[in-house]
C-alpha atoms as a PDB file:
ATOM      1  CA  UNK A   1     -20.528  16.557 -23.984  1.00  0.00           C
ATOM      2  CA  UNK A   2     -19.397  20.178 -23.576  1.00  0.00           C
ATOM      3  CA  UNK A   3     -19.863  22.608 -20.681  1.00  0.00           C
ATOM      4  CA  UNK A   4     -22.923  24.833 -20.663  1.00  0.00           C
ATOM      5  CA  UNK A   5     -22.607  28.552 -21.453  1.00  0.00           C
ATOM      6  CA  UNK A   6     -22.762  29.581 -17.783  1.00  0.00           C
ATOM      7  CA  UNK A   7     -20.147  26.999 -16.754  1.00  0.00           C
ATOM      8  CA  UNK A   8     -16.393  26.978 -17.228  1.00  0.00           C
ATOM      9  CA  UNK A   9     -14.269  23.976 -18.124  1.00  0.00           C
ATOM     10  CA  UNK A  10     -12.251  22.810 -15.128  1.00  0.00           C
ATOM     11  CA  UNK A  11      -8.524  22.852 -15.854  1.00  0.00           C
ATOM     12  CA  UNK A  12      -7.266  22.942 -12.256  1.00  0.00           C
ATOM     13  CA  UNK A  13      -8.268  21.079  -9.108  1.00  0.00           C
ATOM     14  CA  UNK A  14      -8.045  22.773  -5.716  1.00  0.00           C
ATOM     15  CA  UNK A  15      -7.394  20.503  -2.741  1.00  0.00           C
ATOM     16  CA  UNK A  16      -8.731  22.025   0.485  1.00  0.00           C
ATOM     17  CA  UNK A  17      -6.621  19.754   2.675  1.00  0.00           C
ATOM     18  CA  UNK A  18      -7.044  20.152   6.440  1.00  0.00           C
ATOM     19  CA  UNK A  19      -8.754  23.533   6.716  1.00  0.00           C
ATOM     20  CA  UNK A  20     -11.014  22.273   9.509  1.00  0.00           C
ATOM     21  CA  UNK A  21      -7.957  21.422  11.614  1.00  0.00           C
ATOM     22  CA  UNK A  22      -6.155  24.769  11.414  1.00  0.00           C
ATOM     23  CA  UNK A  23      -5.427  24.772  15.164  1.00  0.00           C
ATOM     24  CA  UNK A  24      -3.711  21.388  15.028  1.00  0.00           C
ATOM     25  CA  UNK A  25      -1.776  21.805  11.780  1.00  0.00           C
ATOM     26  CA  UNK A  26       1.685  22.186  13.404  1.00  0.00           C
ATOM     27  CA  UNK A  27       1.169  19.014  15.446  1.00  0.00           C
ATOM     28  CA  UNK A  28      -0.298  17.131  12.469  1.00  0.00           C
ATOM     29  CA  UNK A  29       2.564  18.311  10.257  1.00  0.00           C
ATOM     30  CA  UNK A  30       5.119  17.053  12.788  1.00  0.00           C
ATOM     31  CA  UNK A  31       3.383  13.681  13.189  1.00  0.00           C
ATOM     32  CA  UNK A  32       3.059  13.150   9.433  1.00  0.00           C
ATOM     33  CA  UNK A  33       6.681  14.157   8.826  1.00  0.00           C
ATOM     34  CA  UNK A  34       7.964  11.756  11.492  1.00  0.00           C
ATOM     35  CA  UNK A  35       5.662   9.006  10.197  1.00  0.00           C
ATOM     36  CA  UNK A  36       6.891   9.507   6.636  1.00  0.00           C
ATOM     37  CA  UNK A  37      10.526   9.354   7.764  1.00  0.00           C
ATOM     38  CA  UNK A  38       9.809   6.135   9.691  1.00  0.00           C
ATOM     39  CA  UNK A  39       7.925   4.641   6.717  1.00  0.00           C
ATOM     40  CA  UNK A  40      10.806   5.377   4.361  1.00  0.00           C
ATOM     41  CA  UNK A  41      13.432   4.228   6.847  1.00  0.00           C
ATOM     42  CA  UNK A  42      11.670   1.012   7.857  1.00  0.00           C
ATOM     43  CA  UNK A  43      10.613  -0.109   4.387  1.00  0.00           C
ATOM     44  CA  UNK A  44      13.880   0.861   2.706  1.00  0.00           C
ATOM     45  CA  UNK A  45      15.711  -1.085   5.406  1.00  0.00           C
ATOM     46  CA  UNK A  46      13.647  -4.183   4.594  1.00  0.00           C
ATOM     47  CA  UNK A  47      14.333  -3.715   0.870  1.00  0.00           C
ATOM     48  CA  UNK A  48      18.071  -3.359   1.569  1.00  0.00           C
ATOM     49  CA  UNK A  49      18.235  -6.356   3.919  1.00  0.00           C
ATOM     50  CA  UNK A  50      16.377  -8.671   1.534  1.00  0.00           C
ATOM     51  CA  UNK A  51      18.585  -7.516  -1.332  1.00  0.00           C
ATOM     52  CA  UNK A  52      21.999  -8.000   0.314  1.00  0.00           C
ATOM     53  CA  UNK A  53      21.535 -10.668   3.030  1.00  0.00           C
ATOM     54  CA  UNK A  54      21.660 -14.198   1.606  1.00  0.00           C
ATOM     55  CA  UNK A  55      19.600 -15.707   4.433  1.00  0.00           C
ATOM     56  CA  UNK A  56      16.648 -13.528   3.402  1.00  0.00           C
ATOM     57  CA  UNK A  57      16.673 -14.583  -0.229  1.00  0.00           C
ATOM     58  CA  UNK A  58      13.545 -16.721   0.220  1.00  0.00           C
ATOM     59  CA  UNK A  59      10.107 -16.435  -1.416  1.00  0.00           C
ATOM     60  CA  UNK A  60       8.427 -14.927   1.651  1.00  0.00           C
ATOM     61  CA  UNK A  61      10.986 -12.129   1.981  1.00  0.00           C
ATOM     62  CA  UNK A  62      11.027 -11.581  -1.784  1.00  0.00           C
ATOM     63  CA  UNK A  63       7.283 -10.854  -1.605  1.00  0.00           C
ATOM     64  CA  UNK A  64       7.798  -8.727   1.510  1.00  0.00           C
ATOM     65  CA  UNK A  65      10.395  -6.685  -0.386  1.00  0.00           C
ATOM     66  CA  UNK A  66       7.870  -5.843  -3.101  1.00  0.00           C
ATOM     67  CA  UNK A  67       5.227  -5.060  -0.476  1.00  0.00           C
ATOM     68  CA  UNK A  68       7.674  -2.569   1.032  1.00  0.00           C
ATOM     69  CA  UNK A  69       8.331  -1.084  -2.423  1.00  0.00           C
ATOM     70  CA  UNK A  70       4.584  -0.592  -2.923  1.00  0.00           C
ATOM     71  CA  UNK A  71       4.262   1.022   0.534  1.00  0.00           C
ATOM     72  CA  UNK A  72       7.106   3.459  -0.165  1.00  0.00           C
ATOM     73  CA  UNK A  73       5.630   4.433  -3.535  1.00  0.00           C
ATOM     74  CA  UNK A  74       2.107   4.790  -2.107  1.00  0.00           C
ATOM     75  CA  UNK A  75       3.137   7.140   0.681  1.00  0.00           C
ATOM     76  CA  UNK A  76       5.502   9.095  -1.582  1.00  0.00           C
ATOM     77  CA  UNK A  77       2.691   9.717  -4.075  1.00  0.00           C
ATOM     78  CA  UNK A  78       0.565  11.380  -1.361  1.00  0.00           C
ATOM     79  CA  UNK A  79       2.380  12.512   1.800  1.00  0.00           C
ATOM     80  CA  UNK A  80       4.844  15.104   0.335  1.00  0.00           C
ATOM     81  CA  UNK A  81       1.939  16.917  -1.326  1.00  0.00           C
ATOM     82  CA  UNK A  82      -0.099  16.608   1.865  1.00  0.00           C
ATOM     83  CA  UNK A  83       2.692  18.312   3.831  1.00  0.00           C
ATOM     84  CA  UNK A  84       2.948  21.049   1.206  1.00  0.00           C
ATOM     85  CA  UNK A  85      -0.806  21.726   1.411  1.00  0.00           C
ATOM     86  CA  UNK A  86      -0.455  22.346   5.146  1.00  0.00           C
ATOM     87  CA  UNK A  87       1.956  25.208   4.434  1.00  0.00           C
ATOM     88  CA  UNK A  88      -0.062  26.953   1.722  1.00  0.00           C
ATOM     89  CA  UNK A  89      -3.534  26.155   3.153  1.00  0.00           C
ATOM     90  CA  UNK A  90      -4.653  24.470  -0.069  1.00  0.00           C
ATOM     91  CA  UNK A  91      -3.121  22.682  -3.033  1.00  0.00           C
ATOM     92  CA  UNK A  92      -3.626  23.373  -6.723  1.00  0.00           C
ATOM     93  CA  UNK A  93      -3.085  20.755  -9.410  1.00  0.00           C
ATOM     94  CA  UNK A  94      -3.869  20.727 -13.095  1.00  0.00           C
ATOM     95  CA  UNK A  95      -6.610  18.295 -14.031  1.00  0.00           C
ATOM     96  CA  UNK A  96      -3.997  16.224 -15.849  1.00  0.00           C
ATOM     97  CA  UNK A  97      -1.739  16.257 -12.778  1.00  0.00           C
ATOM     98  CA  UNK A  98      -4.639  15.254 -10.548  1.00  0.00           C
ATOM     99  CA  UNK A  99      -5.482  12.317 -12.819  1.00  0.00           C
ATOM    100  CA  UNK A 100      -1.814  11.306 -12.822  1.00  0.00           C
ATOM    101  CA  UNK A 101      -1.745  11.221  -9.033  1.00  0.00           C
ATOM    102  CA  UNK A 102      -5.003   9.237  -9.017  1.00  0.00           C
ATOM    103  CA  UNK A 103      -3.510   6.770 -11.499  1.00  0.00           C
ATOM    104  CA  UNK A 104      -0.392   6.036  -9.463  1.00  0.00           C
ATOM    105  CA  UNK A 105      -2.359   6.004  -6.221  1.00  0.00           C
ATOM    106  CA  UNK A 106      -4.719   3.342  -7.648  1.00  0.00           C
ATOM    107  CA  UNK A 107      -1.750   1.182  -8.642  1.00  0.00           C
ATOM    108  CA  UNK A 108       0.226   1.453  -5.405  1.00  0.00           C
ATOM    109  CA  UNK A 109      -2.893   0.995  -3.276  1.00  0.00           C
ATOM    110  CA  UNK A 110      -4.129  -2.129  -5.120  1.00  0.00           C
ATOM    111  CA  UNK A 111      -0.842  -3.997  -5.649  1.00  0.00           C
ATOM    112  CA  UNK A 112      -0.478  -4.900  -1.928  1.00  0.00           C
ATOM    113  CA  UNK A 113      -3.792  -6.763  -2.121  1.00  0.00           C
ATOM    114  CA  UNK A 114      -2.331  -9.221  -4.647  1.00  0.00           C
ATOM    115  CA  UNK A 115       1.058  -9.347  -2.912  1.00  0.00           C
ATOM    116  CA  UNK A 116      -0.560 -10.230   0.419  1.00  0.00           C
ATOM    117  CA  UNK A 117      -2.603 -12.933  -1.334  1.00  0.00           C
ATOM    118  CA  UNK A 118       0.576 -14.328  -2.925  1.00  0.00           C
ATOM    119  CA  UNK A 119       2.233 -14.344   0.511  1.00  0.00           C
ATOM    120  CA  UNK A 120      -0.689 -16.379   1.881  1.00  0.00           C
ATOM    121  CA  UNK A 121      -0.151 -18.872  -0.958  1.00  0.00           C
ATOM    122  CA  UNK A 122       3.514 -19.054   0.041  1.00  0.00           C
ATOM    123  CA  UNK A 123       2.534 -19.796   3.680  1.00  0.00           C
ATOM    124  CA  UNK A 124       0.037 -22.412   2.435  1.00  0.00           C
ATOM    125  CA  UNK A 125       2.714 -24.264   0.470  1.00  0.00           C
ATOM    126  CA  UNK A 126       5.276 -23.977   3.285  1.00  0.00           C
ATOM    127  CA  UNK A 127       2.935 -25.519   5.892  1.00  0.00           C
ATOM    128  CA  UNK A 128       0.765 -27.875   3.842  1.00  0.00           C
ATOM    129  CA  UNK A 129       3.533 -29.165   1.537  1.00  0.00           C
ATOM    130  CA  UNK A 130       6.800 -28.625   3.444  1.00  0.00           C
ATOM    131  CA  UNK A 131       8.722 -31.411   1.680  1.00  0.00           C
ATOM    132  CA  UNK A 132       7.825 -30.130  -1.794  1.00  0.00           C
ATOM    133  CA  UNK A 133       7.944 -26.442  -0.917  1.00  0.00           C
ATOM    134  CA  UNK A 134      11.241 -25.577  -2.633  1.00  0.00           C
ATOM    135  CA  UNK A 135      10.194 -27.323  -5.843  1.00  0.00           C
ATOM    136  CA  UNK A 136       6.666 -25.879  -5.890  1.00  0.00           C
ATOM    137  CA  UNK A 137       7.648 -22.214  -5.497  1.00  0.00           C
ATOM    138  CA  UNK A 138      10.846 -21.574  -7.420  1.00  0.00           C
ATOM    139  CA  UNK A 139      12.537 -18.175  -7.821  1.00  0.00           C
ATOM    140  CA  UNK A 140      11.206 -17.972 -11.384  1.00  0.00           C
ATOM    141  CA  UNK A 141       7.642 -18.557 -10.184  1.00  0.00           C
ATOM    142  CA  UNK A 142       8.053 -15.905  -7.468  1.00  0.00           C
ATOM    143  CA  UNK A 143       9.165 -13.372 -10.055  1.00  0.00           C
ATOM    144  CA  UNK A 144       6.311 -14.309 -12.389  1.00  0.00           C
ATOM    145  CA  UNK A 145       3.723 -13.943  -9.611  1.00  0.00           C
ATOM    146  CA  UNK A 146       5.012 -10.523  -8.549  1.00  0.00           C
ATOM    147  CA  UNK A 147       5.377  -9.208 -12.091  1.00  0.00           C
ATOM    148  CA  UNK A 148       1.926 -10.583 -12.931  1.00  0.00           C
ATOM    149  CA  UNK A 149       0.431  -8.696  -9.961  1.00  0.00           C
ATOM    150  CA  UNK A 150       2.030  -5.409 -10.999  1.00  0.00           C
ATOM    151  CA  UNK A 151       1.083  -5.881 -14.657  1.00  0.00           C
ATOM    152  CA  UNK A 152      -2.543  -6.754 -13.883  1.00  0.00           C
ATOM    153  CA  UNK A 153      -3.035  -3.787 -11.555  1.00  0.00           C
ATOM    154  CA  UNK A 154      -1.386  -1.391 -14.021  1.00  0.00           C
ATOM    155  CA  UNK A 155      -3.656  -2.572 -16.860  1.00  0.00           C
ATOM    156  CA  UNK A 156      -6.867  -2.336 -14.800  1.00  0.00           C
ATOM    157  CA  UNK A 157      -5.956   1.035 -13.249  1.00  0.00           C
ATOM    158  CA  UNK A 158      -4.972   2.427 -16.655  1.00  0.00           C
ATOM    159  CA  UNK A 159      -8.311   1.493 -18.210  1.00  0.00           C
ATOM    160  CA  UNK A 160     -10.329   2.950 -15.306  1.00  0.00           C
ATOM    161  CA  UNK A 161      -8.443   6.257 -15.107  1.00  0.00           C
ATOM    162  CA  UNK A 162      -8.452   6.596 -18.921  1.00  0.00           C
ATOM    163  CA  UNK A 163     -12.236   6.224 -19.076  1.00  0.00           C
ATOM    164  CA  UNK A 164     -12.694   8.614 -16.143  1.00  0.00           C
ATOM    165  CA  UNK A 165     -10.440  11.207 -17.783  1.00  0.00           C
ATOM    166  CA  UNK A 166     -12.896  11.368 -20.707  1.00  0.00           C
ATOM    167  CA  UNK A 167     -15.546  12.731 -18.318  1.00  0.00           C
ATOM    168  CA  UNK A 168     -16.551  16.373 -18.348  1.00  0.00           C
ATOM    169  CA  UNK A 169     -15.602  18.623 -15.437  1.00  0.00           C
ATOM    170  CA  UNK A 170     -17.449  21.929 -15.371  1.00  0.00           C
ATOM    171  CA  UNK A 171     -18.101  24.541 -12.711  1.00  0.00           C
ATOM    172  CA  UNK A 172     -16.791  23.577  -9.275  1.00  0.00           C
ATOM    173  CA  UNK A 173     -13.100  22.762  -9.144  1.00  0.00           C
ATOM    174  CA  UNK A 174     -12.354  22.047  -5.467  1.00  0.00           C
ATOM    175  CA  UNK A 175     -12.504  18.890  -3.354  1.00  0.00           C
ATOM    176  CA  UNK A 176     -12.348  18.606   0.425  1.00  0.00           C
ATOM    177  CA  UNK A 177      -9.421  16.217   0.450  1.00  0.00           C
ATOM    178  CA  UNK A 178      -5.630  16.213   0.636  1.00  0.00           C
ATOM    179  CA  UNK A 179      -5.039  14.193  -2.542  1.00  0.00           C
ATOM    180  CA  UNK A 180      -6.873  13.304  -5.749  1.00  0.00           C
ATOM    181  CA  UNK A 181      -8.980  10.364  -4.630  1.00  0.00           C
ATOM    182  CA  UNK A 182     -11.510   8.789  -6.976  1.00  0.00           C
ATOM    183  CA  UNK A 183     -14.634   9.370  -4.861  1.00  0.00           C
ATOM    184  CA  UNK A 184     -14.294  13.165  -4.433  1.00  0.00           C
ATOM    185  CA  UNK A 185     -13.307  13.566  -8.104  1.00  0.00           C
ATOM    186  CA  UNK A 186     -16.425  11.682  -9.199  1.00  0.00           C
ATOM    187  CA  UNK A 187     -18.513  14.275  -7.397  1.00  0.00           C
ATOM    188  CA  UNK A 188     -16.993  16.977  -9.621  1.00  0.00           C
ATOM    189  CA  UNK A 189     -17.796  15.201 -12.892  1.00  0.00           C
ATOM    190  CA  UNK A 190     -20.741  16.758 -14.725  1.00  0.00           C
ATOM    191  CA  UNK A 191     -21.123  14.070 -17.386  1.00  0.00           C
ATOM    192  CA  UNK A 192     -22.499  10.558 -16.988  1.00  0.00           C
ATOM    193  CA  UNK A 193     -19.969   8.462 -15.046  1.00  0.00           C
ATOM    194  CA  UNK A 194     -22.008   5.252 -14.817  1.00  0.00           C
ATOM    195  CA  UNK A 195     -19.315   3.330 -16.731  1.00  0.00           C
ATOM    196  CA  UNK A 196     -16.638   4.573 -14.307  1.00  0.00           C
ATOM    197  CA  UNK A 197     -18.747   3.575 -11.285  1.00  0.00           C
ATOM    198  CA  UNK A 198     -19.375   0.145 -12.816  1.00  0.00           C
ATOM    199  CA  UNK A 199     -15.684  -0.267 -13.600  1.00  0.00           C
ATOM    200  CA  UNK A 200     -14.718   0.744 -10.080  1.00  0.00           C
ATOM    201  CA  UNK A 201     -17.174  -1.765  -8.603  1.00  0.00           C
ATOM    202  CA  UNK A 202     -16.040  -4.643 -10.840  1.00  0.00           C
ATOM    203  CA  UNK A 203     -12.346  -3.862 -10.385  1.00  0.00           C
ATOM    204  CA  UNK A 204     -12.868  -3.514  -6.626  1.00  0.00           C
ATOM    205  CA  UNK A 205     -14.316  -7.025  -6.515  1.00  0.00           C
ATOM    206  CA  UNK A 206     -11.485  -8.357  -8.651  1.00  0.00           C
ATOM    207  CA  UNK A 207      -8.593  -6.553  -6.913  1.00  0.00           C
ATOM    208  CA  UNK A 208      -9.830  -6.625  -3.307  1.00  0.00           C
ATOM    209  CA  UNK A 209     -12.617  -9.164  -2.770  1.00  0.00           C
ATOM    210  CA  UNK A 210     -11.150 -12.100  -4.721  1.00  0.00           C
ATOM    211  CA  UNK A 211      -7.672 -11.822  -3.122  1.00  0.00           C
ATOM    212  CA  UNK A 212      -9.320 -11.573   0.302  1.00  0.00           C
ATOM    213  CA  UNK A 213     -11.373 -14.729  -0.342  1.00  0.00           C
ATOM    214  CA  UNK A 214      -8.220 -16.472  -1.585  1.00  0.00           C
ATOM    215  CA  UNK A 215      -6.426 -15.521   1.655  1.00  0.00           C
ATOM    216  CA  UNK A 216      -9.306 -16.853   3.786  1.00  0.00           C
ATOM    217  CA  UNK A 217      -9.394 -20.155   1.887  1.00  0.00           C
ATOM    218  CA  UNK A 218      -5.593 -20.474   2.168  1.00  0.00           C
ATOM    219  CA  UNK A 219      -5.700 -19.989   5.933  1.00  0.00           C
ATOM    220  CA  UNK A 220      -8.562 -22.443   6.348  1.00  0.00           C
ATOM    221  CA  UNK A 221      -6.334 -25.051   4.707  1.00  0.00           C
ATOM    222  CA  UNK A 222      -3.386 -23.932   6.853  1.00  0.00           C
ATOM    223  CA  UNK A 223      -5.367 -24.159  10.109  1.00  0.00           C
ATOM    224  CA  UNK A 224      -6.726 -27.619   9.285  1.00  0.00           C
ATOM    225  CA  UNK A 225      -3.208 -28.779   8.446  1.00  0.00           C
ATOM    226  CA  UNK A 226      -1.842 -27.369  11.710  1.00  0.00           C
ATOM    227  CA  UNK A 227      -4.612 -29.087  13.688  1.00  0.00           C
ATOM    228  CA  UNK A 228      -3.533 -32.420  12.210  1.00  0.00           C
ATOM    229  CA  UNK A 229       0.101 -31.882  13.198  1.00  0.00           C
ATOM    230  CA  UNK A 230       0.966 -33.886  16.302  1.00  0.00           C
ATOM    231  CA  UNK A 231       3.875 -31.632  17.302  1.00  0.00           C
ATOM    232  CA  UNK A 232       5.271 -28.243  16.329  1.00  0.00           C
ATOM    233  CA  UNK A 233       1.884 -26.512  16.079  1.00  0.00           C
ATOM    234  CA  UNK A 234       3.077 -23.360  17.772  1.00  0.00           C
ATOM    235  CA  UNK A 235       6.111 -23.051  15.512  1.00  0.00           C
ATOM    236  CA  UNK A 236       3.991 -23.678  12.414  1.00  0.00           C
ATOM    237  CA  UNK A 237       1.474 -21.030  13.414  1.00  0.00           C
ATOM    238  CA  UNK A 238       4.187 -18.499  14.358  1.00  0.00           C
ATOM    239  CA  UNK A 239       5.389 -18.474  10.747  1.00  0.00           C
ATOM    240  CA  UNK A 240       1.979 -17.037   9.775  1.00  0.00           C
ATOM    241  CA  UNK A 241       1.530 -14.518  12.589  1.00  0.00           C
ATOM    242  CA  UNK A 242       3.321 -11.613  10.882  1.00  0.00           C
ATOM    243  CA  UNK A 243       1.448 -12.154   7.641  1.00  0.00           C
ATOM    244  CA  UNK A 244      -1.898 -12.446   9.425  1.00  0.00           C
ATOM    245  CA  UNK A 245      -1.242  -9.145  11.184  1.00  0.00           C
ATOM    246  CA  UNK A 246      -0.488  -7.529   7.812  1.00  0.00           C
ATOM    247  CA  UNK A 247      -3.723  -8.956   6.372  1.00  0.00           C
ATOM    248  CA  UNK A 248      -5.751  -7.504   9.262  1.00  0.00           C
ATOM    249  CA  UNK A 249      -4.037  -4.122   8.964  1.00  0.00           C
ATOM    250  CA  UNK A 250      -4.496  -3.831   5.188  1.00  0.00           C
ATOM    251  CA  UNK A 251      -8.058  -5.103   4.850  1.00  0.00           C
ATOM    252  CA  UNK A 252      -9.166  -3.568   8.144  1.00  0.00           C
ATOM    253  CA  UNK A 253      -8.220  -0.071   6.978  1.00  0.00           C
ATOM    254  CA  UNK A 254      -9.623  -0.666   3.484  1.00  0.00           C
ATOM    255  CA  UNK A 255     -12.980  -1.812   4.860  1.00  0.00           C
ATOM    256  CA  UNK A 256     -13.045   1.131   7.291  1.00  0.00           C
ATOM    257  CA  UNK A 257     -12.657   3.609   4.413  1.00  0.00           C
ATOM    258  CA  UNK A 258     -14.448   2.118   1.415  1.00  0.00           C
ATOM    259  CA  UNK A 259     -17.064  -0.279   2.768  1.00  0.00           C
ATOM    260  CA  UNK A 260     -18.762   1.905   5.362  1.00  0.00           C
ATOM    261  CA  UNK A 261     -22.017   3.705   4.449  1.00  0.00           C
ATOM    262  CA  UNK A 262     -21.267   7.051   2.819  1.00  0.00           C
ATOM    263  CA  UNK A 263     -23.239  10.268   3.181  1.00  0.00           C
ATOM    264  CA  UNK A 264     -22.474  13.964   3.297  1.00  0.00           C
ATOM    265  CA  UNK A 265     -21.099  13.817   6.833  1.00  0.00           C
ATOM    266  CA  UNK A 266     -19.033  10.663   6.324  1.00  0.00           C
ATOM    267  CA  UNK A 267     -17.294  12.017   3.210  1.00  0.00           C
ATOM    268  CA  UNK A 268     -15.302  14.352   5.451  1.00  0.00           C
ATOM    269  CA  UNK A 269     -14.699  11.497   7.885  1.00  0.00           C
ATOM    270  CA  UNK A 270     -13.381   9.288   5.047  1.00  0.00           C
ATOM    271  CA  UNK A 271     -10.746  11.942   4.355  1.00  0.00           C
ATOM    272  CA  UNK A 272      -9.240  11.271   7.767  1.00  0.00           C
ATOM    273  CA  UNK A 273      -9.836   7.538   7.522  1.00  0.00           C
ATOM    274  CA  UNK A 274      -7.689   7.588   4.387  1.00  0.00           C
ATOM    275  CA  UNK A 275      -4.724   8.294   6.653  1.00  0.00           C
ATOM    276  CA  UNK A 276      -5.110   4.731   7.946  1.00  0.00           C
ATOM    277  CA  UNK A 277      -3.963   3.033   4.739  1.00  0.00           C
ATOM    278  CA  UNK A 278      -1.752   5.894   3.523  1.00  0.00           C
ATOM    279  CA  UNK A 279       0.198   6.296   6.780  1.00  0.00           C
ATOM    280  CA  UNK A 280      -0.674   3.686   9.402  1.00  0.00           C
ATOM    281  CA  UNK A 281      -0.491   0.469   7.347  1.00  0.00           C
ATOM    282  CA  UNK A 282       2.845   1.276   5.591  1.00  0.00           C
ATOM    283  CA  UNK A 283       4.212   2.265   9.007  1.00  0.00           C
ATOM    284  CA  UNK A 284       3.021  -0.959  10.657  1.00  0.00           C
ATOM    285  CA  UNK A 285       4.460  -3.434   8.152  1.00  0.00           C
ATOM    286  CA  UNK A 286       8.176  -2.829   8.984  1.00  0.00           C
ATOM    287  CA  UNK A 287       7.321  -2.867  12.700  1.00  0.00           C
ATOM    288  CA  UNK A 288       5.373  -6.123  12.354  1.00  0.00           C
ATOM    289  CA  UNK A 289       8.156  -7.910  10.494  1.00  0.00           C
ATOM    290  CA  UNK A 290      11.053  -6.493  12.495  1.00  0.00           C
ATOM    291  CA  UNK A 291       9.504  -7.257  15.903  1.00  0.00           C
ATOM    292  CA  UNK A 292       7.869 -10.588  15.102  1.00  0.00           C
ATOM    293  CA  UNK A 293      10.361 -12.089  12.668  1.00  0.00           C
ATOM    294  CA  UNK A 294      13.606 -13.618  13.916  1.00  0.00           C
ATOM    295  CA  UNK A 295      15.189 -13.687  10.461  1.00  0.00           C
ATOM    296  CA  UNK A 296      14.778  -9.924  10.018  1.00  0.00           C
ATOM    297  CA  UNK A 297      16.227  -9.242  13.473  1.00  0.00           C
ATOM    298  CA  UNK A 298      19.196 -11.517  12.813  1.00  0.00           C
ATOM    299  CA  UNK A 299      19.748  -9.854   9.432  1.00  0.00           C
ATOM    300  CA  UNK A 300      19.745  -6.430  11.090  1.00  0.00           C
ATOM    301  CA  UNK A 301      22.318  -7.624  13.623  1.00  0.00           C
ATOM    302  CA  UNK A 302      24.439  -9.102  10.851  1.00  0.00           C
ATOM    303  CA  UNK A 303      24.328  -5.893   8.824  1.00  0.00           C
ATOM    304  CA  UNK A 304      25.266  -3.865  11.899  1.00  0.00           C
ATOM    305  CA  UNK A 305      28.177  -6.235  12.539  1.00  0.00           C
ATOM    306  CA  UNK A 306      29.359  -5.926   8.929  1.00  0.00           C
ATOM    307  CA  UNK A 307      29.110  -2.122   9.141  1.00  0.00           C
ATOM    308  CA  UNK A 308      31.175  -1.888  12.323  1.00  0.00           C
ATOM    309  CA  UNK A 309      33.671  -4.432  11.001  1.00  0.00           C
ATOM    310  CA  UNK A 310      34.162  -2.377   7.840  1.00  0.00           C
ATOM    311  CA  UNK A 311      34.498   0.787   9.894  1.00  0.00           C
ATOM    312  CA  UNK A 312      37.201  -0.726  12.125  1.00  0.00           C
ATOM    313  CA  UNK A 313      38.969  -2.187   9.105  1.00  0.00           C
ATOM    314  CA  UNK A 314      38.971   1.240   7.475  1.00  0.00           C
ATOM    315  CA  UNK A 315      40.371   2.895  10.642  1.00  0.00           C
ATOM    316  CA  UNK A 316      43.125   0.300  10.935  1.00  0.00           C
ATOM    317  CA  UNK A 317      44.158   0.731   7.292  1.00  0.00           C
ATOM    318  CA  UNK A 318      44.123   4.513   7.746  1.00  0.00           C
ATOM    319  CA  UNK A 319      46.462   4.254  10.750  1.00  0.00           C
ATOM    320  CA  UNK A 320      48.913   2.136   8.776  1.00  0.00           C
END
């Protein structure tokens, strides 16, 4: 399907960004910059700690490491461009570039859903089968689960974005958003996008609903097991508290953005709600695990001790 004679083929997408918040742009720019620095610092610290500290080389922290990787990639695919748009009032991307951003955004936004579900499975095995835990979830299985999650999301996202890219875009070329999200881009398509909508619905069920149901079932089993424990209930439940907080943060923000009724007025509201899972959730995860997890705190203390020890050793050798 080609464009009509009075319409032009869209080759560039204009992102309007935060034009309605012109008075607050300096404050918003400062907050987003600080948030991005904290997201990078916190998540990269977790990645570094899990990589170099032997005590953290366990399945739970291996999954947490990949969750942090996904958070860093998600925010990096959006926030730098968002900050740039604030300077120049609006952003301009080629249609190909916009689809590329949408593609990576879909991957990095969906992978945490599977990773969080895998982490709930890890907690289920640790509490319900503590004696067989090390044999049931080996390092090879952990790697296979994580690689399977990434591979599955990449395949599904590739097929959806590829089909959507075949759509026709004629006439209007601007969206009231700060990145190339699927919903606003669908509104620009002038050809039939029923297949894309159907794909998005089916993939949404598969990548969000099924993992969420799996998490709920896992925690039902965990809670019933904890209730049958005669002692150590508090300790058993504390091992799940950080993960449960992550589940609430991730699915709470996702539901707030994508499962609320949409109309003309809420489309603008969803733009600001998107900041919840692009900024708030990646910022919360390092805080959750550093404040509520003793192993992470001990690892941070150990790394600080090693750093100062190396520094003193270097000074002593320099004096000699």
